[in-house]
Amino acid sequence: MIKPSTMLLGALLFSFSNLSLALDKVDQLITGRAYDLNTGELLYTETHEKPSLKEHIVTYREASGEVFATKVIQYSYSPLVPDFYQTNKRNGEVIDVKTEVNDRLIVNYQASESDKVKSKQININNRLIVDAGFDNFVRNYWNNLAKGDDLKVDFLAPTRQIVAPFKIVKASCKEGEDDALCLTMSPDAWWLKLVVDPIYLAYDFNTQNLKRYLGRGNISETNGDYLSVDIHYQYQISTD
């Protein structure tokens, strides 16, 4: 069992290029709108749906409405360590993270259609959290974060297939977000601080739903770059 403290909580498996939302209700629909930090231009939208308690589907659309990427998340191993498979038509990028019966995580990454698939194995332990499991992690340690505990964790970036340390701390909320628990996730190693900026997240205090994400985007451009974006999320109950 993971115990919160100012010491290392463990390996939180997560990619800043693949932040997803954990859905509590099967009939809940979430729409995220990602805007350019400098111009305010709408870059893309992402729709989150949950057909069943163990499946979570994310659909990415250009500002024009055209679908260009999808991600399928499956909670076959645990709520904190899901498998996921993401494809991006912009450049042919494929990310495939899956659990094995021998408590290992297989991380496959293909940068583009012309690149070879790179594969790496990661041992799974009780400190490991994958992708959309991050939201469950925040909710599990909500009280600790709300009272200001600093939680040190490790993240795996599937695109680089490396594990790196980060720190999650309570932060001052931005204007208009006084009803939120606001957090920052910052690199906790000097070498990582050189290439990764802190990420800002705002969670609704009442629902514990992610309202805003400010940082590296969760889908790559045609050239393979990941832009910094400002994503705002809206929640509704599906009528289908």
C-alpha atoms as a PDB file:
ATOM      1  CA  MET A   1       0.000   0.000   0.000  1.00  0.00           C
ATOM      2  CA  ILE A   2       1.314   3.453  -0.905  1.00  0.00           C
ATOM      3  CA  LYS A   3       1.672   5.769   2.070  1.00  0.00           C
ATOM      4  CA  PRO A   4       1.621   9.548   1.404  1.00  0.00           C
ATOM      5  CA  SER A   5       4.462  11.567   2.833  1.00  0.00           C
ATOM      6  CA  THR A   6       6.976  14.174   1.802  1.00  0.00           C
ATOM      7  CA  MET A   7       9.264  11.277   0.936  1.00  0.00           C
ATOM      8  CA  LEU A   8       9.105   9.394  -2.340  1.00  0.00           C
ATOM      9  CA  LEU A   9       5.620   7.920  -2.804  1.00  0.00           C
ATOM     10  CA  GLY A  10       6.717   5.751  -5.655  1.00  0.00           C
ATOM     11  CA  ALA A  11       6.617   5.346  -9.374  1.00  0.00           C
ATOM     12  CA  LEU A  12       3.626   7.107 -10.875  1.00  0.00           C
ATOM     13  CA  LEU A  13       3.495   5.908 -14.452  1.00  0.00           C
ATOM     14  CA  PHE A  14       2.332   8.807 -16.514  1.00  0.00           C
ATOM     15  CA  SER A  15       3.212  10.752 -19.635  1.00  0.00           C
ATOM     16  CA  PHE A  16       2.701  14.473 -19.904  1.00  0.00           C
ATOM     17  CA  SER A  17       1.969  13.828 -23.563  1.00  0.00           C
ATOM     18  CA  ASN A  18      -0.855  11.489 -22.592  1.00  0.00           C
ATOM     19  CA  LEU A  19      -2.815  12.930 -19.749  1.00  0.00           C
ATOM     20  CA  SER A  20      -6.255  11.317 -19.608  1.00  0.00           C
ATOM     21  CA  LEU A  21      -9.277  11.579 -17.374  1.00  0.00           C
ATOM     22  CA  ALA A  22     -10.612   8.835 -15.162  1.00  0.00           C
ATOM     23  CA  LEU A  23     -14.373   8.531 -15.571  1.00  0.00           C
ATOM     24  CA  ASP A  24     -16.486   7.529 -12.564  1.00  0.00           C
ATOM     25  CA  LYS A  25     -19.736   7.090 -14.474  1.00  0.00           C
ATOM     26  CA  VAL A  26     -20.311   5.009 -17.580  1.00  0.00           C
ATOM     27  CA  ASP A  27     -22.762   7.566 -19.008  1.00  0.00           C
ATOM     28  CA  GLN A  28     -20.532  10.575 -18.405  1.00  0.00           C
ATOM     29  CA  LEU A  29     -19.168  12.525 -21.384  1.00  0.00           C
ATOM     30  CA  ILE A  30     -16.193  14.866 -21.090  1.00  0.00           C
ATOM     31  CA  THR A  31     -15.067  17.388 -23.686  1.00  0.00           C
ATOM     32  CA  GLY A  32     -11.688  19.107 -23.499  1.00  0.00           C
ATOM     33  CA  ARG A  33     -10.788  22.093 -25.644  1.00  0.00           C
ATOM     34  CA  ALA A  34      -7.080  22.727 -26.113  1.00  0.00           C
ATOM     35  CA  TYR A  35      -6.005  26.289 -26.858  1.00  0.00           C
ATOM     36  CA  ASP A  36      -2.684  27.750 -27.951  1.00  0.00           C
ATOM     37  CA  LEU A  37      -1.004  29.479 -25.005  1.00  0.00           C
ATOM     38  CA  ASN A  38       0.159  32.457 -27.060  1.00  0.00           C
ATOM     39  CA  THR A  39      -2.685  33.123 -29.475  1.00  0.00           C
ATOM     40  CA  GLY A  40      -5.696  31.570 -27.748  1.00  0.00           C
ATOM     41  CA  GLU A  41      -6.465  29.667 -30.940  1.00  0.00           C
ATOM     42  CA  LEU A  42      -8.372  26.393 -30.621  1.00  0.00           C
ATOM     43  CA  LEU A  43      -5.897  23.655 -31.559  1.00  0.00           C
ATOM     44  CA  TYR A  44      -7.979  20.508 -31.060  1.00  0.00           C
ATOM     45  CA  THR A  45     -10.706  18.937 -28.941  1.00  0.00           C
ATOM     46  CA  GLU A  46     -10.722  15.676 -27.046  1.00  0.00           C
ATOM     47  CA  THR A  47     -13.827  13.683 -26.113  1.00  0.00           C
ATOM     48  CA  HIS A  48     -13.760  11.149 -23.282  1.00  0.00           C
ATOM     49  CA  GLU A  49     -16.323   8.350 -23.084  1.00  0.00           C
ATOM     50  CA  LYS A  50     -16.619   5.202 -20.985  1.00  0.00           C
ATOM     51  CA  PRO A  51     -18.594   2.376 -22.640  1.00  0.00           C
ATOM     52  CA  SER A  52     -18.055   0.187 -19.558  1.00  0.00           C
ATOM     53  CA  LEU A  53     -16.450   0.345 -16.136  1.00  0.00           C
ATOM     54  CA  LYS A  54     -13.230  -1.102 -17.538  1.00  0.00           C
ATOM     55  CA  GLU A  55     -12.943   0.816 -20.813  1.00  0.00           C
ATOM     56  CA  HIS A  56     -12.249   4.481 -21.540  1.00  0.00           C
ATOM     57  CA  ILE A  57     -12.099   5.903 -25.069  1.00  0.00           C
ATOM     58  CA  VAL A  58     -10.594   9.265 -26.038  1.00  0.00           C
ATOM     59  CA  THR A  59     -11.227  10.790 -29.478  1.00  0.00           C
ATOM     60  CA  TYR A  60      -9.123  13.711 -30.692  1.00  0.00           C
ATOM     61  CA  ARG A  61     -10.454  16.098 -33.350  1.00  0.00           C
ATOM     62  CA  GLU A  62      -8.907  18.962 -35.259  1.00  0.00           C
ATOM     63  CA  ALA A  63     -10.508  22.381 -34.801  1.00  0.00           C
ATOM     64  CA  SER A  64     -12.360  21.602 -38.049  1.00  0.00           C
ATOM     65  CA  GLY A  65     -13.969  18.548 -36.422  1.00  0.00           C
ATOM     66  CA  GLU A  66     -11.961  15.888 -38.278  1.00  0.00           C
ATOM     67  CA  VAL A  67     -10.862  12.932 -36.127  1.00  0.00           C
ATOM     68  CA  PHE A  68      -7.065  12.551 -36.158  1.00  0.00           C
ATOM     69  CA  ALA A  69      -6.272  10.401 -33.124  1.00  0.00           C
ATOM     70  CA  THR A  70      -7.811   7.916 -30.712  1.00  0.00           C
ATOM     71  CA  LYS A  71      -6.820   6.300 -27.452  1.00  0.00           C
ATOM     72  CA  VAL A  72      -8.352   3.210 -25.866  1.00  0.00           C
ATOM     73  CA  ILE A  73      -7.718   2.671 -22.146  1.00  0.00           C
ATOM     74  CA  GLN A  74      -8.559  -0.633 -20.474  1.00  0.00           C
ATOM     75  CA  TYR A  75      -8.504  -1.323 -16.742  1.00  0.00           C
ATOM     76  CA  SER A  76      -7.751  -5.021 -16.929  1.00  0.00           C
ATOM     77  CA  TYR A  77      -4.888  -4.967 -14.411  1.00  0.00           C
ATOM     78  CA  SER A  78      -6.096  -2.367 -11.920  1.00  0.00           C
ATOM     79  CA  PRO A  79      -7.747   1.099 -11.735  1.00  0.00           C
ATOM     80  CA  LEU A  80      -4.291   2.623 -11.238  1.00  0.00           C
ATOM     81  CA  VAL A  81      -2.429   0.628 -13.880  1.00  0.00           C
ATOM     82  CA  PRO A  82      -4.504   0.496 -17.080  1.00  0.00           C
ATOM     83  CA  ASP A  83      -3.376  -0.580 -20.526  1.00  0.00           C
ATOM     84  CA  PHE A  84      -3.717   1.964 -23.314  1.00  0.00           C
ATOM     85  CA  TYR A  85      -3.288   2.096 -27.079  1.00  0.00           C
ATOM     86  CA  GLN A  86      -3.031   5.449 -28.874  1.00  0.00           C
ATOM     87  CA  THR A  87      -2.776   6.159 -32.605  1.00  0.00           C
ATOM     88  CA  ASN A  88      -2.181   9.542 -34.240  1.00  0.00           C
ATOM     89  CA  LYS A  89      -2.970   9.962 -37.942  1.00  0.00           C
ATOM     90  CA  ARG A  90      -1.091  13.252 -38.085  1.00  0.00           C
ATOM     91  CA  ASN A  91       2.256  11.472 -38.264  1.00  0.00           C
ATOM     92  CA  GLY A  92       1.576   7.776 -37.742  1.00  0.00           C
ATOM     93  CA  GLU A  93       2.679   7.828 -34.106  1.00  0.00           C
ATOM     94  CA  VAL A  94       1.627   4.776 -32.065  1.00  0.00           C
ATOM     95  CA  ILE A  95       1.893   4.320 -28.286  1.00  0.00           C
ATOM     96  CA  ASP A  96       1.072   0.894 -26.874  1.00  0.00           C
ATOM     97  CA  VAL A  97       1.343   0.260 -23.131  1.00  0.00           C
ATOM     98  CA  LYS A  98       0.130  -3.074 -21.797  1.00  0.00           C
ATOM     99  CA  THR A  99       0.452  -5.175 -18.678  1.00  0.00           C
ATOM    100  CA  GLU A 100       1.682  -8.762 -18.672  1.00  0.00           C
ATOM    101  CA  VAL A 101       0.787 -11.622 -16.324  1.00  0.00           C
ATOM    102  CA  ASN A 102       4.301 -11.616 -14.879  1.00  0.00           C
ATOM    103  CA  ASP A 103       3.772  -8.127 -13.411  1.00  0.00           C
ATOM    104  CA  ARG A 104       5.617  -6.365 -16.160  1.00  0.00           C
ATOM    105  CA  LEU A 105       4.625  -3.425 -18.275  1.00  0.00           C
ATOM    106  CA  ILE A 106       5.467  -3.522 -21.982  1.00  0.00           C
ATOM    107  CA  VAL A 107       5.941  -0.074 -23.511  1.00  0.00           C
ATOM    108  CA  ASN A 108       5.957   0.036 -27.322  1.00  0.00           C
ATOM    109  CA  TYR A 109       6.530   3.300 -29.159  1.00  0.00           C
ATOM    110  CA  GLN A 110       6.600   4.145 -32.871  1.00  0.00           C
ATOM    111  CA  ALA A 111       7.354   7.805 -33.584  1.00  0.00           C
ATOM    112  CA  SER A 112       6.009   7.779 -37.157  1.00  0.00           C
ATOM    113  CA  GLU A 113       5.000   5.462 -39.958  1.00  0.00           C
ATOM    114  CA  SER A 114       8.598   5.361 -41.212  1.00  0.00           C
ATOM    115  CA  ASP A 115      10.135   4.633 -37.792  1.00  0.00           C
ATOM    116  CA  LYS A 116      10.663   1.238 -36.224  1.00  0.00           C
ATOM    117  CA  VAL A 117       8.792   0.223 -33.078  1.00  0.00           C
ATOM    118  CA  LYS A 118      10.861   0.554 -29.903  1.00  0.00           C
ATOM    119  CA  SER A 119       9.962  -1.726 -27.005  1.00  0.00           C
ATOM    120  CA  LYS A 120      10.914  -1.687 -23.337  1.00  0.00           C
ATOM    121  CA  GLN A 121       9.853  -3.656 -20.256  1.00  0.00           C
ATOM    122  CA  ILE A 122       9.105  -2.010 -16.907  1.00  0.00           C
ATOM    123  CA  ASN A 123       8.561  -3.953 -13.694  1.00  0.00           C
ATOM    124  CA  ILE A 124       5.178  -3.315 -12.061  1.00  0.00           C
ATOM    125  CA  ASN A 125       5.101  -2.712  -8.312  1.00  0.00           C
ATOM    126  CA  ASN A 126       2.527  -1.275  -5.909  1.00  0.00           C
ATOM    127  CA  ARG A 127       3.819   2.258  -6.545  1.00  0.00           C
ATOM    128  CA  LEU A 128       3.157   2.232 -10.269  1.00  0.00           C
ATOM    129  CA  ILE A 129       0.390   4.318 -11.883  1.00  0.00           C
ATOM    130  CA  VAL A 130      -0.356   4.481 -15.614  1.00  0.00           C
ATOM    131  CA  ASP A 131      -1.936   7.253 -17.680  1.00  0.00           C
ATOM    132  CA  ALA A 132      -5.586   7.771 -16.599  1.00  0.00           C
ATOM    133  CA  GLY A 133      -4.694   6.176 -13.266  1.00  0.00           C
ATOM    134  CA  PHE A 134      -3.268   9.584 -12.382  1.00  0.00           C
ATOM    135  CA  ASP A 135      -6.745  10.958 -11.710  1.00  0.00           C
ATOM    136  CA  ASN A 136      -7.459   8.060  -9.378  1.00  0.00           C
ATOM    137  CA  PHE A 137      -4.166   8.798  -7.645  1.00  0.00           C
ATOM    138  CA  VAL A 138      -5.157  12.445  -7.082  1.00  0.00           C
ATOM    139  CA  ARG A 139      -8.517  11.380  -5.661  1.00  0.00           C
ATOM    140  CA  ASN A 140      -6.927   8.755  -3.414  1.00  0.00           C
ATOM    141  CA  TYR A 141      -4.627  11.400  -1.906  1.00  0.00           C
ATOM    142  CA  TRP A 142      -7.056  14.302  -2.178  1.00  0.00           C
ATOM    143  CA  ASN A 143      -6.948  15.176   1.537  1.00  0.00           C
ATOM    144  CA  ASN A 144      -3.162  15.103   1.601  1.00  0.00           C
ATOM    145  CA  LEU A 145      -2.911  17.387  -1.413  1.00  0.00           C
ATOM    146  CA  ALA A 146      -5.627  19.719  -0.094  1.00  0.00           C
ATOM    147  CA  LYS A 147      -3.800  20.263   3.196  1.00  0.00           C
ATOM    148  CA  GLY A 148      -0.553  20.996   1.371  1.00  0.00           C
ATOM    149  CA  ASP A 149       1.472  17.790   1.513  1.00  0.00           C
ATOM    150  CA  ASP A 150       4.208  17.573  -1.136  1.00  0.00           C
ATOM    151  CA  LEU A 151       3.968  14.253  -2.946  1.00  0.00           C
ATOM    152  CA  LYS A 152       7.065  13.056  -4.768  1.00  0.00           C
ATOM    153  CA  VAL A 153       6.417  10.564  -7.535  1.00  0.00           C
ATOM    154  CA  ASP A 154       8.021   9.050 -10.616  1.00  0.00           C
ATOM    155  CA  PHE A 155       6.571   9.235 -14.114  1.00  0.00           C
ATOM    156  CA  LEU A 156       7.193   7.183 -17.210  1.00  0.00           C
ATOM    157  CA  ALA A 157       7.058   9.075 -20.502  1.00  0.00           C
ATOM    158  CA  PRO A 158       6.136   6.366 -23.062  1.00  0.00           C
ATOM    159  CA  THR A 159       7.496   8.443 -25.942  1.00  0.00           C
ATOM    160  CA  ARG A 160      10.957   8.438 -24.352  1.00  0.00           C
ATOM    161  CA  GLN A 161      10.575   5.200 -22.403  1.00  0.00           C
ATOM    162  CA  ILE A 162      12.243   6.666 -19.326  1.00  0.00           C
ATOM    163  CA  VAL A 163      11.181   7.073 -15.708  1.00  0.00           C
ATOM    164  CA  ALA A 164      11.710  10.494 -14.150  1.00  0.00           C
ATOM    165  CA  PRO A 165      10.947  12.061 -10.738  1.00  0.00           C
ATOM    166  CA  PHE A 166       8.313  14.763 -10.278  1.00  0.00           C
ATOM    167  CA  LYS A 167       6.765  16.598  -7.353  1.00  0.00           C
ATOM    168  CA  ILE A 168       3.042  17.342  -6.951  1.00  0.00           C
ATOM    169  CA  VAL A 169       2.198  20.290  -4.694  1.00  0.00           C
ATOM    170  CA  LYS A 170      -0.762  22.493  -3.904  1.00  0.00           C
ATOM    171  CA  ALA A 171      -0.598  25.780  -5.801  1.00  0.00           C
ATOM    172  CA  SER A 172      -2.290  29.162  -5.898  1.00  0.00           C
ATOM    173  CA  CYS A 173      -5.291  29.043  -8.216  1.00  0.00           C
ATOM    174  CA  LYS A 174      -5.509  31.223 -11.259  1.00  0.00           C
ATOM    175  CA  GLU A 175      -8.215  33.858 -11.639  1.00  0.00           C
ATOM    176  CA  GLY A 176     -11.726  32.427 -11.705  1.00  0.00           C
ATOM    177  CA  GLU A 177     -10.757  29.093 -10.149  1.00  0.00           C
ATOM    178  CA  ASP A 178     -11.290  29.776  -6.454  1.00  0.00           C
ATOM    179  CA  ASP A 179     -13.601  26.752  -6.216  1.00  0.00           C
ATOM    180  CA  ALA A 180     -10.792  24.390  -7.229  1.00  0.00           C
ATOM    181  CA  LEU A 181      -7.931  22.430  -5.751  1.00  0.00           C
ATOM    182  CA  CYS A 182      -5.019  23.683  -7.830  1.00  0.00           C
ATOM    183  CA  LEU A 183      -1.809  21.702  -8.206  1.00  0.00           C
ATOM    184  CA  THR A 184       1.515  21.940  -9.965  1.00  0.00           C
ATOM    185  CA  MET A 185       3.609  19.011 -11.137  1.00  0.00           C
ATOM    186  CA  SER A 186       7.254  19.984 -11.375  1.00  0.00           C
ATOM    187  CA  PRO A 187      10.430  18.110 -12.310  1.00  0.00           C
ATOM    188  CA  ASP A 188      12.302  16.919  -9.233  1.00  0.00           C
ATOM    189  CA  ALA A 189      15.670  16.416 -10.922  1.00  0.00           C
ATOM    190  CA  TRP A 190      18.012  19.071 -12.251  1.00  0.00           C
ATOM    191  CA  TRP A 191      18.423  17.439 -15.660  1.00  0.00           C
ATOM    192  CA  LEU A 192      14.662  17.284 -16.143  1.00  0.00           C
ATOM    193  CA  LYS A 193      14.135  20.907 -15.156  1.00  0.00           C
ATOM    194  CA  LEU A 194      16.219  21.876 -18.184  1.00  0.00           C
ATOM    195  CA  VAL A 195      13.682  20.442 -20.641  1.00  0.00           C
ATOM    196  CA  VAL A 196      10.311  20.201 -18.838  1.00  0.00           C
ATOM    197  CA  ASP A 197       8.240  23.094 -17.450  1.00  0.00           C
ATOM    198  CA  PRO A 198       5.859  22.703 -14.500  1.00  0.00           C
ATOM    199  CA  ILE A 199       2.276  21.681 -15.268  1.00  0.00           C
ATOM    200  CA  TYR A 200      -0.738  23.377 -13.686  1.00  0.00           C
ATOM    201  CA  LEU A 201      -3.958  21.484 -12.926  1.00  0.00           C
ATOM    202  CA  ALA A 202      -7.235  22.685 -11.395  1.00  0.00           C
ATOM    203  CA  TYR A 203      -9.661  20.138  -9.894  1.00  0.00           C
ATOM    204  CA  ASP A 204     -13.235  21.011  -8.909  1.00  0.00           C
ATOM    205  CA  PHE A 205     -13.495  20.866  -5.114  1.00  0.00           C
ATOM    206  CA  ASN A 206     -17.001  19.394  -5.106  1.00  0.00           C
ATOM    207  CA  THR A 207     -16.734  16.766  -7.860  1.00  0.00           C
ATOM    208  CA  GLN A 208     -12.954  16.215  -7.852  1.00  0.00           C
ATOM    209  CA  ASN A 209     -13.109  16.446 -11.658  1.00  0.00           C
ATOM    210  CA  LEU A 210     -10.232  17.973 -13.611  1.00  0.00           C
ATOM    211  CA  LYS A 211     -11.318  21.413 -14.856  1.00  0.00           C
ATOM    212  CA  ARG A 212      -8.140  22.760 -16.422  1.00  0.00           C
ATOM    213  CA  TYR A 213      -4.771  21.511 -17.628  1.00  0.00           C
ATOM    214  CA  LEU A 214      -2.009  23.963 -18.473  1.00  0.00           C
ATOM    215  CA  GLY A 215       1.206  22.504 -19.847  1.00  0.00           C
ATOM    216  CA  ARG A 216       2.571  20.117 -22.420  1.00  0.00           C
ATOM    217  CA  GLY A 217      -0.178  18.888 -24.738  1.00  0.00           C
ATOM    218  CA  ASN A 218      -1.416  15.325 -24.852  1.00  0.00           C
ATOM    219  CA  ILE A 219      -1.069  14.728 -28.581  1.00  0.00           C
ATOM    220  CA  SER A 220       1.761  15.442 -31.031  1.00  0.00           C
ATOM    221  CA  GLU A 221       1.800  17.705 -34.055  1.00  0.00           C
ATOM    222  CA  THR A 222       2.488  16.506 -37.612  1.00  0.00           C
ATOM    223  CA  ASN A 223       6.217  17.102 -37.080  1.00  0.00           C
ATOM    224  CA  GLY A 224       6.174  15.099 -33.846  1.00  0.00           C
ATOM    225  CA  ASP A 225       6.440  18.086 -31.511  1.00  0.00           C
ATOM    226  CA  TYR A 226       4.280  18.419 -28.401  1.00  0.00           C
ATOM    227  CA  LEU A 227       2.984  21.954 -27.881  1.00  0.00           C
ATOM    228  CA  SER A 228       2.165  23.575 -24.566  1.00  0.00           C
ATOM    229  CA  VAL A 229      -1.590  24.032 -24.357  1.00  0.00           C
ATOM    230  CA  ASP A 230      -4.368  25.335 -22.117  1.00  0.00           C
ATOM    231  CA  ILE A 231      -7.120  22.673 -21.925  1.00  0.00           C
ATOM    232  CA  HIS A 232     -10.539  23.407 -20.405  1.00  0.00           C
ATOM    233  CA  TYR A 233     -12.858  20.486 -19.586  1.00  0.00           C
ATOM    234  CA  GLN A 234     -16.661  20.320 -19.512  1.00  0.00           C
ATOM    235  CA  TYR A 235     -18.710  17.453 -18.055  1.00  0.00           C
ATOM    236  CA  GLN A 236     -22.161  16.249 -19.002  1.00  0.00           C
ATOM    237  CA  ILE A 237     -24.299  13.142 -18.822  1.00  0.00           C
ATOM    238  CA  SER A 238     -24.662  11.340 -22.158  1.00  0.00           C
ATOM    239  CA  THR A 239     -28.239  11.084 -23.458  1.00  0.00           C
ATOM    240  CA  ASP A 240     -27.501   8.148 -25.806  1.00  0.00           C
END
